Every structure is written in C-alpha cells, then in structure tokens.
C-alpha cells in the first residue's frame, strides 16, 4: 500500500491518510469488498500511531467509504464512489 505521509505538511496525518485512501477508491484501484490493511499493519508500515490510523478509518467509515467488521477487518464499500 503506497500511502505517503508528509510530516512537514500543515494537514494532519490522519487527513493525509483519508485523502489518499479516498483517492484510491475513487480511481478504482481499490474495489468494493477489497480488504484494507489492519490498523496495526498500516501504522507500522507508515510509521505513525495506531490511534492516528484508527481515527482515519473511523472517519472513512462515517463517510461511507469503508466498513469495519469486528474480527475480520475493514473493507471498501461502494456507497460513496459515485
């Protein structure tokens, strides 16, 4: 997963994650029912706090881009792709 964090940006890190994931969904790189990396995996890969990734995932879920199934993971939904 190619999420790039710019630590010198004025944009909060969780917003950078949200923007990049939305972009991948909108461009069709990630399709409905695709599994996103776990919060821990993504936080380790991009070297940020798991709470930061969790905040981004929670926001994406609230906006309808992803859905989280406890014990299974977070998946892309198609609701907001229009």
N, C-alpha and C. Protein backbone atom coordinates (compact mmCIF):
# COMPACT_ATOMS: atom_id res chain seq x y z
N UNK A 1 0.84 -1.17 0.00
CA UNK A 1 0.00 0.00 0.00
C UNK A 1 0.89 1.24 0.00
N UNK A 2 0.68 2.11 -0.94
CA UNK A 2 1.53 3.28 -1.06
C UNK A 2 0.85 4.51 -0.48
N UNK A 3 0.91 4.63 0.83
CA UNK A 3 0.42 5.84 1.49
C UNK A 3 1.68 6.60 1.91
N UNK A 4 1.77 7.84 1.49
CA UNK A 4 2.95 8.64 1.79
C UNK A 4 2.55 9.76 2.73
N UNK A 5 3.24 9.83 3.86
CA UNK A 5 2.97 10.84 4.86
C UNK A 5 4.00 11.95 4.75
N UNK A 6 3.52 13.18 4.69
CA UNK A 6 4.40 14.34 4.65
C UNK A 6 4.37 14.99 6.04
N UNK A 7 5.41 14.76 6.82
CA UNK A 7 5.46 15.28 8.18
C UNK A 7 5.60 16.80 8.25
N UNK A 8 6.01 17.42 7.16
CA UNK A 8 6.15 18.87 7.17
C UNK A 8 4.89 19.58 6.68
N UNK A 9 3.88 18.80 6.29
CA UNK A 9 2.62 19.37 5.83
C UNK A 9 1.83 19.94 7.00
N UNK A 10 1.04 20.96 6.73
CA UNK A 10 0.16 21.52 7.75
C UNK A 10 -1.10 20.66 7.92
N UNK A 11 -1.35 19.79 6.94
CA UNK A 11 -2.51 18.90 7.01
C UNK A 11 -2.23 17.79 8.02
N UNK A 12 -3.17 17.53 8.94
CA UNK A 12 -2.96 16.46 9.92
C UNK A 12 -2.72 15.12 9.24
N UNK A 13 -1.96 14.26 9.89
CA UNK A 13 -1.59 12.96 9.32
C UNK A 13 -2.82 12.12 9.02
N UNK A 14 -3.80 12.11 9.94
CA UNK A 14 -4.98 11.28 9.69
C UNK A 14 -5.73 11.76 8.45
N UNK A 15 -5.72 13.08 8.18
CA UNK A 15 -6.37 13.59 6.98
C UNK A 15 -5.60 13.20 5.72
N UNK A 16 -4.27 13.15 5.82
CA UNK A 16 -3.47 12.71 4.68
C UNK A 16 -3.82 11.26 4.33
N UNK A 17 -4.01 10.43 5.35
CA UNK A 17 -4.38 9.02 5.13
C UNK A 17 -5.75 8.95 4.47
N UNK A 18 -6.71 9.72 4.98
CA UNK A 18 -8.07 9.72 4.44
C UNK A 18 -8.07 10.10 2.96
N UNK A 19 -7.39 11.20 2.65
CA UNK A 19 -7.36 11.69 1.26
C UNK A 19 -6.78 10.64 0.32
N UNK A 20 -5.70 9.99 0.73
CA UNK A 20 -5.05 9.01 -0.15
C UNK A 20 -5.91 7.75 -0.32
N UNK A 21 -6.58 7.31 0.75
CA UNK A 21 -7.44 6.13 0.62
C UNK A 21 -8.65 6.45 -0.24
N UNK A 22 -9.26 7.62 -0.04
CA UNK A 22 -10.40 8.03 -0.87
C UNK A 22 -9.99 8.07 -2.34
N UNK A 23 -8.80 8.61 -2.60
CA UNK A 23 -8.31 8.71 -3.97
C UNK A 23 -8.19 7.33 -4.62
N UNK A 24 -7.66 6.37 -3.87
CA UNK A 24 -7.51 5.01 -4.40
C UNK A 24 -8.88 4.38 -4.70
N UNK A 25 -9.85 4.66 -3.85
CA UNK A 25 -11.20 4.12 -4.06
C UNK A 25 -11.84 4.79 -5.27
N UNK A 26 -11.75 6.11 -5.35
CA UNK A 26 -12.38 6.85 -6.45
C UNK A 26 -11.78 6.49 -7.81
N UNK A 27 -10.47 6.26 -7.84
CA UNK A 27 -9.82 5.92 -9.11
C UNK A 27 -10.00 4.45 -9.47
N UNK A 28 -10.61 3.68 -8.58
CA UNK A 28 -10.87 2.28 -8.88
C UNK A 28 -9.72 1.34 -8.58
N UNK A 29 -8.66 1.85 -7.94
CA UNK A 29 -7.55 0.98 -7.55
C UNK A 29 -8.02 -0.04 -6.52
N UNK A 30 -8.88 0.42 -5.63
CA UNK A 30 -9.49 -0.47 -4.63
C UNK A 30 -10.96 -0.57 -4.96
N UNK A 31 -11.45 -1.78 -5.02
CA UNK A 31 -12.83 -2.01 -5.42
C UNK A 31 -13.66 -2.47 -4.22
N UNK A 32 -14.96 -2.51 -4.44
CA UNK A 32 -15.88 -2.94 -3.38
C UNK A 32 -15.44 -4.29 -2.82
N UNK A 33 -15.49 -4.39 -1.50
CA UNK A 33 -15.13 -5.60 -0.73
C UNK A 33 -13.63 -5.87 -0.64
N UNK A 34 -12.79 -4.99 -1.19
CA UNK A 34 -11.34 -5.16 -1.00
C UNK A 34 -11.01 -4.94 0.47
N UNK A 35 -10.12 -5.75 0.99
CA UNK A 35 -9.69 -5.65 2.38
C UNK A 35 -8.59 -4.62 2.52
N UNK A 36 -8.78 -3.67 3.44
CA UNK A 36 -7.75 -2.69 3.75
C UNK A 36 -6.77 -3.30 4.74
N UNK A 37 -5.56 -2.77 4.80
CA UNK A 37 -4.61 -3.26 5.81
C UNK A 37 -5.18 -3.00 7.21
N UNK A 38 -4.82 -3.85 8.15
CA UNK A 38 -5.28 -3.63 9.52
C UNK A 38 -4.70 -2.33 10.05
N UNK A 39 -5.31 -1.79 11.08
CA UNK A 39 -4.83 -0.55 11.70
C UNK A 39 -3.38 -0.71 12.13
N UNK A 40 -3.07 -1.82 12.78
CA UNK A 40 -1.70 -2.04 13.26
C UNK A 40 -0.71 -2.16 12.10
N UNK A 41 -1.09 -2.90 11.07
CA UNK A 41 -0.20 -3.09 9.92
C UNK A 41 0.10 -1.77 9.23
N UNK A 42 -0.95 -0.99 8.97
CA UNK A 42 -0.76 0.29 8.29
C UNK A 42 0.06 1.25 9.15
N UNK A 43 -0.23 1.29 10.44
CA UNK A 43 0.52 2.20 11.31
C UNK A 43 2.00 1.84 11.34
N UNK A 44 2.29 0.54 11.33
CA UNK A 44 3.68 0.09 11.31
C UNK A 44 4.35 0.43 9.97
N UNK A 45 3.61 0.23 8.87
CA UNK A 45 4.16 0.49 7.53
C UNK A 45 4.49 1.96 7.30
N UNK A 46 3.62 2.85 7.77
CA UNK A 46 3.84 4.27 7.51
C UNK A 46 4.42 5.00 8.72
N UNK A 47 4.72 4.22 9.77
CA UNK A 47 5.40 4.74 10.96
C UNK A 47 4.64 5.88 11.65
N UNK A 48 3.36 5.62 11.91
CA UNK A 48 2.55 6.55 12.69
C UNK A 48 1.82 5.76 13.77
N UNK A 49 1.22 6.46 14.70
CA UNK A 49 0.48 5.83 15.78
C UNK A 49 -0.73 5.06 15.25
N UNK A 50 -1.03 3.93 15.88
CA UNK A 50 -2.22 3.17 15.52
C UNK A 50 -3.48 3.99 15.75
N UNK A 51 -3.45 4.88 16.74
CA UNK A 51 -4.61 5.74 17.00
C UNK A 51 -4.87 6.70 15.85
N UNK A 52 -3.81 7.14 15.19
CA UNK A 52 -3.95 8.02 14.03
C UNK A 52 -4.63 7.30 12.89
N UNK A 53 -4.20 6.07 12.62
CA UNK A 53 -4.81 5.26 11.56
C UNK A 53 -6.26 4.94 11.92
N UNK A 54 -6.50 4.60 13.17
CA UNK A 54 -7.87 4.30 13.63
C UNK A 54 -8.78 5.50 13.42
N UNK A 55 -8.29 6.69 13.71
CA UNK A 55 -9.08 7.91 13.51
C UNK A 55 -9.43 8.08 12.03
N UNK A 56 -8.46 7.82 11.16
CA UNK A 56 -8.69 7.93 9.72
C UNK A 56 -9.73 6.89 9.27
N UNK A 57 -9.59 5.65 9.73
CA UNK A 57 -10.54 4.60 9.36
C UNK A 57 -11.94 4.92 9.88
N UNK A 58 -12.03 5.45 11.11
CA UNK A 58 -13.34 5.82 11.68
C UNK A 58 -14.01 6.89 10.82
N UNK A 59 -13.23 7.87 10.38
CA UNK A 59 -13.77 8.95 9.55
C UNK A 59 -14.22 8.41 8.19
N UNK A 60 -13.42 7.53 7.60
CA UNK A 60 -13.78 6.93 6.31
C UNK A 60 -15.06 6.10 6.44
N UNK A 61 -15.20 5.43 7.58
CA UNK A 61 -16.41 4.63 7.80
C UNK A 61 -17.62 5.55 7.97
N UNK A 62 -17.46 6.64 8.70
CA UNK A 62 -18.55 7.59 8.90
C UNK A 62 -19.01 8.20 7.57
N UNK A 63 -18.07 8.36 6.64
CA UNK A 63 -18.39 8.93 5.34
C UNK A 63 -18.89 7.88 4.35
N UNK A 64 -18.87 6.60 4.73
CA UNK A 64 -19.39 5.54 3.87
C UNK A 64 -18.42 4.97 2.87
N UNK A 65 -17.13 5.28 3.02
CA UNK A 65 -16.14 4.74 2.08
C UNK A 65 -15.71 3.32 2.45
N UNK A 66 -15.69 3.03 3.75
CA UNK A 66 -15.30 1.69 4.20
C UNK A 66 -16.29 1.20 5.26
N UNK A 67 -16.24 -0.08 5.51
CA UNK A 67 -17.00 -0.65 6.62
C UNK A 67 -16.07 -1.58 7.38
N UNK A 68 -16.21 -1.59 8.69
CA UNK A 68 -15.35 -2.42 9.52
C UNK A 68 -16.18 -3.53 10.15
N UNK A 69 -15.70 -4.75 10.01
CA UNK A 69 -16.34 -5.91 10.62
C UNK A 69 -15.42 -6.40 11.73
N UNK A 70 -15.91 -6.35 12.95
CA UNK A 70 -15.08 -6.74 14.09
C UNK A 70 -14.55 -8.15 13.91
N UNK A 71 -13.25 -8.31 14.06
CA UNK A 71 -12.63 -9.61 13.93
C UNK A 71 -12.28 -10.01 12.51
N UNK A 72 -12.74 -9.23 11.52
CA UNK A 72 -12.45 -9.55 10.12
C UNK A 72 -11.62 -8.48 9.42
N UNK A 73 -11.89 -7.21 9.75
CA UNK A 73 -11.13 -6.13 9.14
C UNK A 73 -11.99 -5.06 8.54
N UNK A 74 -11.35 -4.15 7.80
CA UNK A 74 -12.04 -3.04 7.15
C UNK A 74 -12.07 -3.28 5.64
N UNK A 75 -13.24 -3.05 5.05
CA UNK A 75 -13.46 -3.33 3.64
C UNK A 75 -13.98 -2.10 2.93
N UNK A 76 -13.65 -1.98 1.64
CA UNK A 76 -14.15 -0.90 0.81
C UNK A 76 -15.63 -1.14 0.54
N UNK A 77 -16.44 -0.08 0.65
CA UNK A 77 -17.84 -0.17 0.26
C UNK A 77 -18.00 0.66 -1.01
N UNK A 78 -19.07 0.47 -1.70
CA UNK A 78 -19.26 1.23 -2.95
C UNK A 78 -20.16 2.43 -2.75
N UNK A 79 -20.69 2.63 -1.56
CA UNK A 79 -21.70 3.66 -1.32
C UNK A 79 -21.27 5.06 -1.73
N UNK A 80 -20.03 5.42 -1.52
CA UNK A 80 -19.60 6.79 -1.77
C UNK A 80 -18.76 6.94 -3.04
N UNK A 81 -18.78 5.96 -3.88
CA UNK A 81 -17.93 6.02 -5.07
C UNK A 81 -18.53 6.83 -6.20
N UNK A 82 -19.79 7.21 -6.09
CA UNK A 82 -20.40 7.97 -7.17
C UNK A 82 -19.73 9.32 -7.30
